[in-house]
Amino acid sequence: MDIADLQHTIAATYGHQDRARGIDATFGWFVEEVGELSRAIRRQGHTERVEEFTDVLAWLVTLADLCDVDLATEVSRRYGDGCPRCGASPCTCGATDPTRP
């Protein structure tokens, strides 16, 4: 499944509930899922990590949909040619500062 398909599927499955909940409350759920992912990465096994990664992605896609952001288009526009800063792949602008993405 690609990003566009995922965004469409999530909107078709949960869109009515998501719109009723609103952006602020949905963001709260997203942040909670990020916290659960953090715990899974630090303390749990692969199965739990997989579950939390997919939950975080689903909530991120939900937020994008609520904010009228077409993730597939925007990710391609921003990262399709490599690093958005230097344009290289692999990135060369972080070569002098390895802590910078």
PDB file of N, CA and C in Angstrom:
ATOM      1  N   MET A   1       0.851  -1.175   0.000  1.00  0.00           N
ATOM      2  CA  MET A   1       0.000   0.000   0.000  1.00  0.00           C
ATOM      3  C   MET A   1       0.894   1.235   0.000  1.00  0.00           C
ATOM      4  N   ASP A   2       0.611   2.181  -0.886  1.00  0.00           N
ATOM      5  CA  ASP A   2       1.402   3.413  -0.892  1.00  0.00           C
ATOM      6  C   ASP A   2       0.723   4.474  -0.019  1.00  0.00           C
ATOM      7  N   ILE A   3       1.375   5.609   0.127  1.00  0.00           N
ATOM      8  CA  ILE A   3       0.880   6.646   1.033  1.00  0.00           C
ATOM      9  C   ILE A   3      -0.493   7.156   0.595  1.00  0.00           C
ATOM     10  N   ALA A   4      -0.691   7.348  -0.701  1.00  0.00           N
ATOM     11  CA  ALA A   4      -1.989   7.834  -1.183  1.00  0.00           C
ATOM     12  C   ALA A   4      -3.090   6.828  -0.864  1.00  0.00           C
ATOM     13  N   ASP A   5      -2.825   5.548  -1.093  1.00  0.00           N
ATOM     14  CA  ASP A   5      -3.813   4.518  -0.772  1.00  0.00           C
ATOM     15  C   ASP A   5      -4.111   4.492   0.720  1.00  0.00           C
ATOM     16  N   LEU A   6      -3.072   4.606   1.540  1.00  0.00           N
ATOM     17  CA  LEU A   6      -3.264   4.605   2.986  1.00  0.00           C
ATOM     18  C   LEU A   6      -4.116   5.789   3.411  1.00  0.00           C
ATOM     19  N   GLN A   7      -3.818   6.974   2.897  1.00  0.00           N
ATOM     20  CA  GLN A   7      -4.584   8.152   3.284  1.00  0.00           C
ATOM     21  C   GLN A   7      -6.043   7.997   2.867  1.00  0.00           C
ATOM     22  N   HIS A   8      -6.284   7.464   1.686  1.00  0.00           N
ATOM     23  CA  HIS A   8      -7.655   7.241   1.223  1.00  0.00           C
ATOM     24  C   HIS A   8      -8.367   6.209   2.107  1.00  0.00           C
ATOM     25  N   THR A   9      -7.684   5.104   2.411  1.00  0.00           N
ATOM     26  CA  THR A   9      -8.285   4.043   3.220  1.00  0.00           C
ATOM     27  C   THR A   9      -8.614   4.529   4.626  1.00  0.00           C
ATOM     28  N   ILE A  10      -7.703   5.240   5.239  1.00  0.00           N
ATOM     29  CA  ILE A  10      -7.940   5.760   6.594  1.00  0.00           C
ATOM     30  C   ILE A  10      -9.107   6.747   6.576  1.00  0.00           C
ATOM     31  N   ALA A  11      -9.160   7.622   5.575  1.00  0.00           N
ATOM     32  CA  ALA A  11     -10.259   8.590   5.486  1.00  0.00           C
ATOM     33  C   ALA A  11     -11.593   7.880   5.277  1.00  0.00           C
ATOM     34  N   ALA A  12     -11.605   6.862   4.427  1.00  0.00           N
ATOM     35  CA  ALA A  12     -12.848   6.126   4.174  1.00  0.00           C
ATOM     36  C   ALA A  12     -13.293   5.350   5.409  1.00  0.00           C
ATOM     37  N   THR A  13     -12.346   4.842   6.161  1.00  0.00           N
ATOM     38  CA  THR A  13     -12.655   4.007   7.328  1.00  0.00           C
ATOM     39  C   THR A  13     -13.020   4.836   8.551  1.00  0.00           C
ATOM     40  N   TYR A  14     -12.270   5.896   8.810  1.00  0.00           N
ATOM     41  CA  TYR A  14     -12.417   6.652  10.051  1.00  0.00           C
ATOM     42  C   TYR A  14     -12.745   8.130   9.865  1.00  0.00           C
ATOM     43  N   GLY A  15     -12.855   8.593   8.629  1.00  0.00           N
ATOM     44  CA  GLY A  15     -13.000  10.027   8.356  1.00  0.00           C
ATOM     45  C   GLY A  15     -14.132  10.704   9.099  1.00  0.00           C
ATOM     46  N   HIS A  16     -15.292  10.045   9.166  1.00  0.00           N
ATOM     47  CA  HIS A  16     -16.443  10.644   9.850  1.00  0.00           C
ATOM     48  C   HIS A  16     -16.119  10.865  11.331  1.00  0.00           C
ATOM     49  N   GLN A  17     -15.545   9.839  11.974  1.00  0.00           N
ATOM     50  CA  GLN A  17     -15.173   9.950  13.392  1.00  0.00           C
ATOM     51  C   GLN A  17     -14.085  11.008  13.582  1.00  0.00           C
ATOM     52  N   ASP A  18     -13.113  11.021  12.672  1.00  0.00           N
ATOM     53  CA  ASP A  18     -11.996  11.963  12.795  1.00  0.00           C
ATOM     54  C   ASP A  18     -12.475  13.404  12.690  1.00  0.00           C
ATOM     55  N   ARG A  19     -13.364  13.680  11.729  1.00  0.00           N
ATOM     56  CA  ARG A  19     -13.888  15.044  11.582  1.00  0.00           C
ATOM     57  C   ARG A  19     -14.698  15.453  12.811  1.00  0.00           C
ATOM     58  N   ALA A  20     -15.458  14.509  13.369  1.00  0.00           N
ATOM     59  CA  ALA A  20     -16.246  14.809  14.575  1.00  0.00           C
ATOM     60  C   ALA A  20     -15.342  15.095  15.767  1.00  0.00           C
ATOM     61  N   ARG A  21     -14.226  14.374  15.858  1.00  0.00           N
ATOM     62  CA  ARG A  21     -13.279  14.559  16.964  1.00  0.00           C
ATOM     63  C   ARG A  21     -12.547  15.885  16.816  1.00  0.00           C
ATOM     64  N   GLY A  22     -12.179  16.238  15.602  1.00  0.00           N
ATOM     65  CA  GLY A  22     -11.474  17.487  15.325  1.00  0.00           C
ATOM     66  C   GLY A  22      -9.963  17.348  15.376  1.00  0.00           C
ATOM     67  N   ILE A  23      -9.308  18.371  14.900  1.00  0.00           N
ATOM     68  CA  ILE A  23      -7.849  18.365  14.775  1.00  0.00           C
ATOM     69  C   ILE A  23      -7.158  18.323  16.134  1.00  0.00           C
ATOM     70  N   ASP A  24      -7.593  19.151  17.074  1.00  0.00           N
ATOM     71  CA  ASP A  24      -6.908  19.215  18.371  1.00  0.00           C
ATOM     72  C   ASP A  24      -6.940  17.876  19.103  1.00  0.00           C
ATOM     73  N   ALA A  25      -8.116  17.266  19.194  1.00  0.00           N
ATOM     74  CA  ALA A  25      -8.221  15.983  19.895  1.00  0.00           C
ATOM     75  C   ALA A  25      -7.479  14.882  19.131  1.00  0.00           C
ATOM     76  N   THR A  26      -7.531  14.941  17.807  1.00  0.00           N
ATOM     77  CA  THR A  26      -6.815  13.946  17.005  1.00  0.00           C
ATOM     78  C   THR A  26      -5.319  14.087  17.213  1.00  0.00           C
ATOM     79  N   PHE A  27      -4.837  15.310  17.302  1.00  0.00           N
ATOM     80  CA  PHE A  27      -3.417  15.524  17.581  1.00  0.00           C
ATOM     81  C   PHE A  27      -3.045  14.926  18.935  1.00  0.00           C
ATOM     82  N   GLY A  28      -3.919  15.055  19.904  1.00  0.00           N
ATOM     83  CA  GLY A  28      -3.672  14.446  21.211  1.00  0.00           C
ATOM     84  C   GLY A  28      -3.511  12.934  21.108  1.00  0.00           C
ATOM     85  N   TRP A  29      -4.360  12.284  20.322  1.00  0.00           N
ATOM     86  CA  TRP A  29      -4.243  10.836  20.112  1.00  0.00           C
ATOM     87  C   TRP A  29      -2.918  10.509  19.422  1.00  0.00           C
ATOM     88  N   PHE A  30      -2.548  11.322  18.441  1.00  0.00           N
ATOM     89  CA  PHE A  30      -1.285  11.112  17.728  1.00  0.00           C
ATOM     90  C   PHE A  30      -0.107  11.166  18.697  1.00  0.00           C
ATOM     91  N   VAL A  31      -0.081  12.172  19.539  1.00  0.00           N
ATOM     92  CA  VAL A  31       1.015  12.327  20.503  1.00  0.00           C
ATOM     93  C   VAL A  31       1.044  11.143  21.465  1.00  0.00           C
ATOM     94  N   GLU A  32      -0.115  10.691  21.888  1.00  0.00           N
ATOM     95  CA  GLU A  32      -0.173   9.523  22.765  1.00  0.00           C
ATOM     96  C   GLU A  32       0.431   8.298  22.076  1.00  0.00           C
ATOM     97  N   GLU A  33       0.117   8.124  20.802  1.00  0.00           N
ATOM     98  CA  GLU A  33       0.674   6.998  20.050  1.00  0.00           C
ATOM     99  C   GLU A  33       2.187   7.127  19.892  1.00  0.00           C
ATOM    100  N   VAL A  34       2.692   8.339  19.719  1.00  0.00           N
ATOM    101  CA  VAL A  34       4.139   8.544  19.648  1.00  0.00           C
ATOM    102  C   VAL A  34       4.789   8.132  20.963  1.00  0.00           C
ATOM    103  N   GLY A  35       4.153   8.445  22.062  1.00  0.00           N
ATOM    104  CA  GLY A  35       4.654   8.007  23.373  1.00  0.00           C
ATOM    105  C   GLY A  35       4.679   6.493  23.488  1.00  0.00           C
ATOM    106  N   GLU A  36       3.626   5.838  22.981  1.00  0.00           N
ATOM    107  CA  GLU A  36       3.593   4.375  23.009  1.00  0.00           C
ATOM    108  C   GLU A  36       4.687   3.791  22.111  1.00  0.00           C
ATOM    109  N   LEU A  37       4.956   4.436  20.993  1.00  0.00           N
ATOM    110  CA  LEU A  37       6.047   3.992  20.122  1.00  0.00           C
ATOM    111  C   LEU A  37       7.385   4.138  20.831  1.00  0.00           C
ATOM    112  N   SER A  38       7.560   5.226  21.547  1.00  0.00           N
ATOM    113  CA  SER A  38       8.796   5.434  22.297  1.00  0.00           C
ATOM    114  C   SER A  38       9.019   4.304  23.301  1.00  0.00           C
ATOM    115  N   ARG A  39       7.982   3.950  24.032  1.00  0.00           N
ATOM    116  CA  ARG A  39       8.090   2.846  24.991  1.00  0.00           C
ATOM    117  C   ARG A  39       8.401   1.528  24.288  1.00  0.00           C
ATOM    118  N   ALA A  40       7.732   1.295  23.164  1.00  0.00           N
ATOM    119  CA  ALA A  40       7.955   0.038  22.436  1.00  0.00           C
ATOM    120  C   ALA A  40       9.389  -0.059  21.931  1.00  0.00           C
ATOM    121  N   ILE A  41       9.935   1.032  21.452  1.00  0.00           N
ATOM    122  CA  ILE A  41      11.314   1.033  20.945  1.00  0.00           C
ATOM    123  C   ILE A  41      12.294   0.761  22.082  1.00  0.00           C
ATOM    124  N   ARG A  42      12.049   1.362  23.230  1.00  0.00           N
ATOM    125  CA  ARG A  42      12.986   1.233  24.343  1.00  0.00           C
ATOM    126  C   ARG A  42      12.815  -0.030  25.164  1.00  0.00           C
ATOM    127  N   ARG A  43      11.583  -0.535  25.272  1.00  0.00           N
ATOM    128  CA  ARG A  43      11.342  -1.596  26.250  1.00  0.00           C
ATOM    129  C   ARG A  43      10.650  -2.842  25.734  1.00  0.00           C
ATOM    130  N   GLN A  44      10.174  -2.836  24.512  1.00  0.00           N
ATOM    131  CA  GLN A  44       9.355  -3.961  24.066  1.00  0.00           C
ATOM    132  C   GLN A  44       9.976  -4.640  22.850  1.00  0.00           C
ATOM    133  N   GLY A  45       9.313  -5.650  22.368  1.00  0.00           N
ATOM    134  CA  GLY A  45       9.817  -6.439  21.262  1.00  0.00           C
ATOM    135  C   GLY A  45       9.351  -5.942  19.904  1.00  0.00           C
ATOM    136  N   HIS A  46       9.755  -6.669  18.893  1.00  0.00           N
ATOM    137  CA  HIS A  46       9.477  -6.298  17.507  1.00  0.00           C
ATOM    138  C   HIS A  46       7.979  -6.217  17.222  1.00  0.00           C
ATOM    139  N   THR A  47       7.210  -7.156  17.712  1.00  0.00           N
ATOM    140  CA  THR A  47       5.767  -7.173  17.446  1.00  0.00           C
ATOM    141  C   THR A  47       5.108  -5.892  17.948  1.00  0.00           C
ATOM    142  N   GLU A  48       5.451  -5.475  19.153  1.00  0.00           N
ATOM    143  CA  GLU A  48       4.889  -4.247  19.716  1.00  0.00           C
ATOM    144  C   GLU A  48       5.367  -3.014  18.943  1.00  0.00           C
ATOM    145  N   ARG A  49       6.616  -3.030  18.520  1.00  0.00           N
ATOM    146  CA  ARG A  49       7.139  -1.912  17.723  1.00  0.00           C
ATOM    147  C   ARG A  49       6.376  -1.774  16.414  1.00  0.00           C
ATOM    148  N   VAL A  50       6.151  -2.903  15.744  1.00  0.00           N
ATOM    149  CA  VAL A  50       5.409  -2.885  14.475  1.00  0.00           C
ATOM    150  C   VAL A  50       4.022  -2.279  14.696  1.00  0.00           C
ATOM    151  N   GLU A  51       3.345  -2.720  15.738  1.00  0.00           N
ATOM    152  CA  GLU A  51       2.004  -2.205  16.030  1.00  0.00           C
ATOM    153  C   GLU A  51       2.035  -0.701  16.257  1.00  0.00           C
ATOM    154  N   GLU A  52       2.990  -0.226  17.026  1.00  0.00           N
ATOM    155  CA  GLU A  52       3.044   1.201  17.342  1.00  0.00           C
ATOM    156  C   GLU A  52       3.477   2.038  16.136  1.00  0.00           C
ATOM    157  N   PHE A  53       4.417   1.534  15.329  1.00  0.00           N
ATOM    158  CA  PHE A  53       4.784   2.262  14.109  1.00  0.00           C
ATOM    159  C   PHE A  53       3.567   2.448  13.208  1.00  0.00           C
ATOM    160  N   THR A  54       2.787   1.380  13.040  1.00  0.00           N
ATOM    161  CA  THR A  54       1.625   1.491  12.158  1.00  0.00           C
ATOM    162  C   THR A  54       0.555   2.400  12.758  1.00  0.00           C
ATOM    163  N   ASP A  55       0.387   2.372  14.076  1.00  0.00           N
ATOM    164  CA  ASP A  55      -0.561   3.285  14.709  1.00  0.00           C
ATOM    165  C   ASP A  55      -0.147   4.742  14.518  1.00  0.00           C
ATOM    166  N   VAL A  56       1.136   5.037  14.733  1.00  0.00           N
ATOM    167  CA  VAL A  56       1.624   6.409  14.558  1.00  0.00           C
ATOM    168  C   VAL A  56       1.411   6.873  13.122  1.00  0.00           C
ATOM    169  N   LEU A  57       1.726   6.010  12.173  1.00  0.00           N
ATOM    170  CA  LEU A  57       1.536   6.380  10.766  1.00  0.00           C
ATOM    171  C   LEU A  57       0.062   6.634  10.466  1.00  0.00           C
ATOM    172  N   ALA A  58      -0.824   5.789  10.972  1.00  0.00           N
ATOM    173  CA  ALA A  58      -2.257   5.970  10.732  1.00  0.00           C
ATOM    174  C   ALA A  58      -2.753   7.294  11.317  1.00  0.00           C
ATOM    175  N   TRP A  59      -2.328   7.622  12.518  1.00  0.00           N
ATOM    176  CA  TRP A  59      -2.759   8.887  13.126  1.00  0.00           C
ATOM    177  C   TRP A  59      -2.156  10.090  12.397  1.00  0.00           C
ATOM    178  N   LEU A  60      -0.920   9.967  11.916  1.00  0.00           N
ATOM    179  CA  LEU A  60      -0.308  11.049  11.134  1.00  0.00           C
ATOM    180  C   LEU A  60      -1.087  11.275   9.840  1.00  0.00           C
ATOM    181  N   VAL A  61      -1.443  10.194   9.166  1.00  0.00           N
ATOM    182  CA  VAL A  61      -2.227  10.288   7.934  1.00  0.00           C
ATOM    183  C   VAL A  61      -3.592  10.915   8.228  1.00  0.00           C
ATOM    184  N   THR A  62      -4.188  10.550   9.349  1.00  0.00           N
ATOM    185  CA  THR A  62      -5.469  11.137   9.753  1.00  0.00           C
ATOM    186  C   THR A  62      -5.341  12.644   9.918  1.00  0.00           C
ATOM    187  N   LEU A  63      -4.298  13.079  10.611  1.00  0.00           N
ATOM    188  CA  LEU A  63      -4.084  14.518  10.803  1.00  0.00           C
ATOM    189  C   LEU A  63      -3.878  15.227   9.470  1.00  0.00           C
ATOM    190  N   ALA A  64      -3.102  14.625   8.603  1.00  0.00           N
ATOM    191  CA  ALA A  64      -2.875  15.225   7.279  1.00  0.00           C
ATOM    192  C   ALA A  64      -4.201  15.397   6.552  1.00  0.00           C
ATOM    193  N   ASP A  65      -5.034  14.374   6.597  1.00  0.00           N
ATOM    194  CA  ASP A  65      -6.329  14.444   5.926  1.00  0.00           C
ATOM    195  C   ASP A  65      -7.193  15.548   6.522  1.00  0.00           C
ATOM    196  N   LEU A  66      -7.227  15.642   7.849  1.00  0.00           N
ATOM    197  CA  LEU A  66      -8.016  16.690   8.501  1.00  0.00           C
ATOM    198  C   LEU A  66      -7.505  18.088   8.166  1.00  0.00           C
ATOM    199  N   CYS A  67      -6.219  18.192   7.880  1.00  0.00           N
ATOM    200  CA  CYS A  67      -5.603  19.488   7.555  1.00  0.00           C
ATOM    201  C   CYS A  67      -5.492  19.714   6.041  1.00  0.00           C
ATOM    202  N   ASP A  68      -6.163  18.861   5.262  1.00  0.00           N
ATOM    203  CA  ASP A  68      -6.158  18.973   3.795  1.00  0.00           C
ATOM    204  C   ASP A  68      -4.753  18.928   3.200  1.00  0.00           C
ATOM    205  N   VAL A  69      -3.929  18.033   3.716  1.00  0.00           N
ATOM    206  CA  VAL A  69      -2.581  17.829   3.193  1.00  0.00           C
ATOM    207  C   VAL A  69      -2.554  16.482   2.473  1.00  0.00           C
ATOM    208  N   ASP A  70      -2.234  16.504   1.189  1.00  0.00           N
ATOM    209  CA  ASP A  70      -2.076  15.281   0.405  1.00  0.00           C
ATOM    210  C   ASP A  70      -0.646  14.797   0.631  1.00  0.00           C
ATOM    211  N   LEU A  71      -0.484  13.849   1.555  1.00  0.00           N
ATOM    212  CA  LEU A  71       0.853  13.413   1.947  1.00  0.00           C
ATOM    213  C   LEU A  71       1.672  12.863   0.792  1.00  0.00           C
ATOM    214  N   ALA A  72       1.077  12.054  -0.066  1.00  0.00           N
ATOM    215  CA  ALA A  72       1.832  11.461  -1.176  1.00  0.00           C
ATOM    216  C   ALA A  72       2.431  12.546  -2.054  1.00  0.00           C
ATOM    217  N   THR A  73       1.631  13.529  -2.397  1.00  0.00           N
ATOM    218  CA  THR A  73       2.103  14.624  -3.248  1.00  0.00           C
ATOM    219  C   THR A  73       3.173  15.444  -2.549  1.00  0.00           C
ATOM    220  N   GLU A  74       2.933  15.783  -1.301  1.00  0.00           N
ATOM    221  CA  GLU A  74       3.858  16.665  -0.585  1.00  0.00           C
ATOM    222  C   GLU A  74       5.159  15.981  -0.205  1.00  0.00           C
ATOM    223  N   VAL A  75       5.107  14.698   0.145  1.00  0.00           N
ATOM    224  CA  VAL A  75       6.345  13.965   0.439  1.00  0.00           C
ATOM    225  C   VAL A  75       7.182  13.843  -0.830  1.00  0.00           C
ATOM    226  N   SER A  76       6.521  13.558  -1.934  1.00  0.00           N
ATOM    227  CA  SER A  76       7.244  13.460  -3.209  1.00  0.00           C
ATOM    228  C   SER A  76       7.868  14.798  -3.588  1.00  0.00           C
ATOM    229  N   ARG A  77       7.099  15.870  -3.406  1.00  0.00           N
ATOM    230  CA  ARG A  77       7.610  17.204  -3.731  1.00  0.00           C
ATOM    231  C   ARG A  77       8.797  17.561  -2.857  1.00  0.00           C
ATOM    232  N   ARG A  78       8.716  17.248  -1.578  1.00  0.00           N
ATOM    233  CA  ARG A  78       9.763  17.668  -0.644  1.00  0.00           C
ATOM    234  C   ARG A  78      10.988  16.758  -0.671  1.00  0.00           C
ATOM    235  N   TYR A  79      10.791  15.439  -0.770  1.00  0.00           N
ATOM    236  CA  TYR A  79      11.903  14.493  -0.647  1.00  0.00           C
ATOM    237  C   TYR A  79      12.173  13.688  -1.909  1.00  0.00           C
ATOM    238  N   GLY A  80      11.414  13.912  -2.955  1.00  0.00           N
ATOM    239  CA  GLY A  80      11.532  13.114  -4.170  1.00  0.00           C
ATOM    240  C   GLY A  80      12.883  13.190  -4.863  1.00  0.00           C
ATOM    241  N   ASP A  81      13.594  14.281  -4.677  1.00  0.00           N
ATOM    242  CA  ASP A  81      14.910  14.443  -5.318  1.00  0.00           C
ATOM    243  C   ASP A  81      16.058  14.305  -4.336  1.00  0.00           C
ATOM    244  N   GLY A  82      15.772  13.809  -3.135  1.00  0.00           N
ATOM    245  CA  GLY A  82      16.809  13.664  -2.113  1.00  0.00           C
ATOM    246  C   GLY A  82      16.578  14.643  -0.978  1.00  0.00           C
ATOM    247  N   CYS A  83      17.649  15.037  -0.352  1.00  0.00           N
ATOM    248  CA  CYS A  83      17.589  15.955   0.786  1.00  0.00           C
ATOM    249  C   CYS A  83      16.973  17.287   0.358  1.00  0.00           C
ATOM    250  N   PRO A  84      15.964  17.782   1.086  1.00  0.00           N
ATOM    251  CA  PRO A  84      15.379  19.063   0.697  1.00  0.00           C
ATOM    252  C   PRO A  84      16.317  20.258   0.869  1.00  0.00           C
ATOM    253  N   ARG A  85      17.379  20.090   1.644  1.00  0.00           N
ATOM    254  CA  ARG A  85      18.339  21.195   1.831  1.00  0.00           C
ATOM    255  C   ARG A  85      19.401  21.228   0.735  1.00  0.00           C
ATOM    256  N   CYS A  86      20.067  20.081   0.534  1.00  0.00           N
ATOM    257  CA  CYS A  86      21.183  20.074  -0.418  1.00  0.00           C
ATOM    258  C   CYS A  86      20.835  19.403  -1.744  1.00  0.00           C
ATOM    259  N   GLY A  87      19.721  18.685  -1.779  1.00  0.00           N
ATOM    260  CA  GLY A  87      19.293  18.024  -3.007  1.00  0.00           C
ATOM    261  C   GLY A  87      20.021  16.735  -3.303  1.00  0.00           C
ATOM    262  N   ALA A  88      20.937  16.330  -2.459  1.00  0.00           N
ATOM    263  CA  ALA A  88      21.737  15.130  -2.716  1.00  0.00           C
ATOM    264  C   ALA A  88      21.118  13.911  -2.040  1.00  0.00           C
ATOM    265  N   SER A  89      21.454  12.756  -2.600  1.00  0.00           N
ATOM    266  CA  SER A  89      21.062  11.486  -1.990  1.00  0.00           C
ATOM    267  C   SER A  89      22.200  10.502  -2.195  1.00  0.00           C
ATOM    268  N   PRO A  90      22.943  10.164  -1.139  1.00  0.00           N
ATOM    269  CA  PRO A  90      22.690  10.548   0.245  1.00  0.00           C
ATOM    270  C   PRO A  90      22.986  12.024   0.502  1.00  0.00           C
ATOM    271  N   CYS A  91      22.404  12.508   1.564  1.00  0.00           N
ATOM    272  CA  CYS A  91      22.564  13.904   1.965  1.00  0.00           C
ATOM    273  C   CYS A  91      24.035  14.230   2.214  1.00  0.00           C
ATOM    274  N   THR A  92      24.443  15.393   1.742  1.00  0.00           N
ATOM    275  CA  THR A  92      25.816  15.853   1.995  1.00  0.00           C
ATOM    276  C   THR A  92      25.849  17.067   2.914  1.00  0.00           C
ATOM    277  N   CYS A  93      24.714  17.706   3.148  1.00  0.00           N
ATOM    278  CA  CYS A  93      24.746  18.914   3.980  1.00  0.00           C
ATOM    279  C   CYS A  93      24.920  18.583   5.455  1.00  0.00           C
ATOM    280  N   GLY A  94      24.605  17.369   5.877  1.00  0.00           N
ATOM    281  CA  GLY A  94      24.798  16.980   7.264  1.00  0.00           C
ATOM    282  C   GLY A  94      26.150  16.342   7.514  1.00  0.00           C
ATOM    283  N   ALA A  95      26.988  16.263   6.486  1.00  0.00           N
ATOM    284  CA  ALA A  95      28.278  15.591   6.609  1.00  0.00           C
ATOM    285  C   ALA A  95      29.183  16.246   7.647  1.00  0.00           C
ATOM    286  N   THR A  96      29.078  17.557   7.816  1.00  0.00           N
ATOM    287  CA  THR A  96      29.935  18.239   8.785  1.00  0.00           C
ATOM    288  C   THR A  96      29.313  18.261  10.171  1.00  0.00           C
ATOM    289  N   ASP A  97      28.008  17.942  10.258  1.00  0.00           N
ATOM    290  CA  ASP A  97      27.303  17.917  11.548  1.00  0.00           C
ATOM    291  C   ASP A  97      26.448  16.649  11.590  1.00  0.00           C
ATOM    292  N   PRO A  98      27.000  15.535  12.070  1.00  0.00           N
ATOM    293  CA  PRO A  98      26.264  14.282  12.046  1.00  0.00           C
ATOM    294  C   PRO A  98      25.035  14.246  12.938  1.00  0.00           C
ATOM    295  N   THR A  99      24.848  15.244  13.799  1.00  0.00           N
ATOM    296  CA  THR A  99      23.642  15.274  14.636  1.00  0.00           C
ATOM    297  C   THR A  99      22.468  15.911  13.883  1.00  0.00           C
ATOM    298  N   ARG A 100      22.754  16.526  12.748  1.00  0.00           N
ATOM    299  CA  ARG A 100      21.714  17.186  11.969  1.00  0.00           C
ATOM    300  C   ARG A 100      21.164  16.232  10.915  1.00  0.00           C
ATOM    301  N   PRO A 101      19.829  16.100  10.845  1.00  0.00           N
ATOM    302  CA  PRO A 101      19.246  15.197   9.838  1.00  0.00           C
ATOM    303  C   PRO A 101      19.427  15.716   8.425  1.00  0.00           C
TER     304      PRO A 101
END
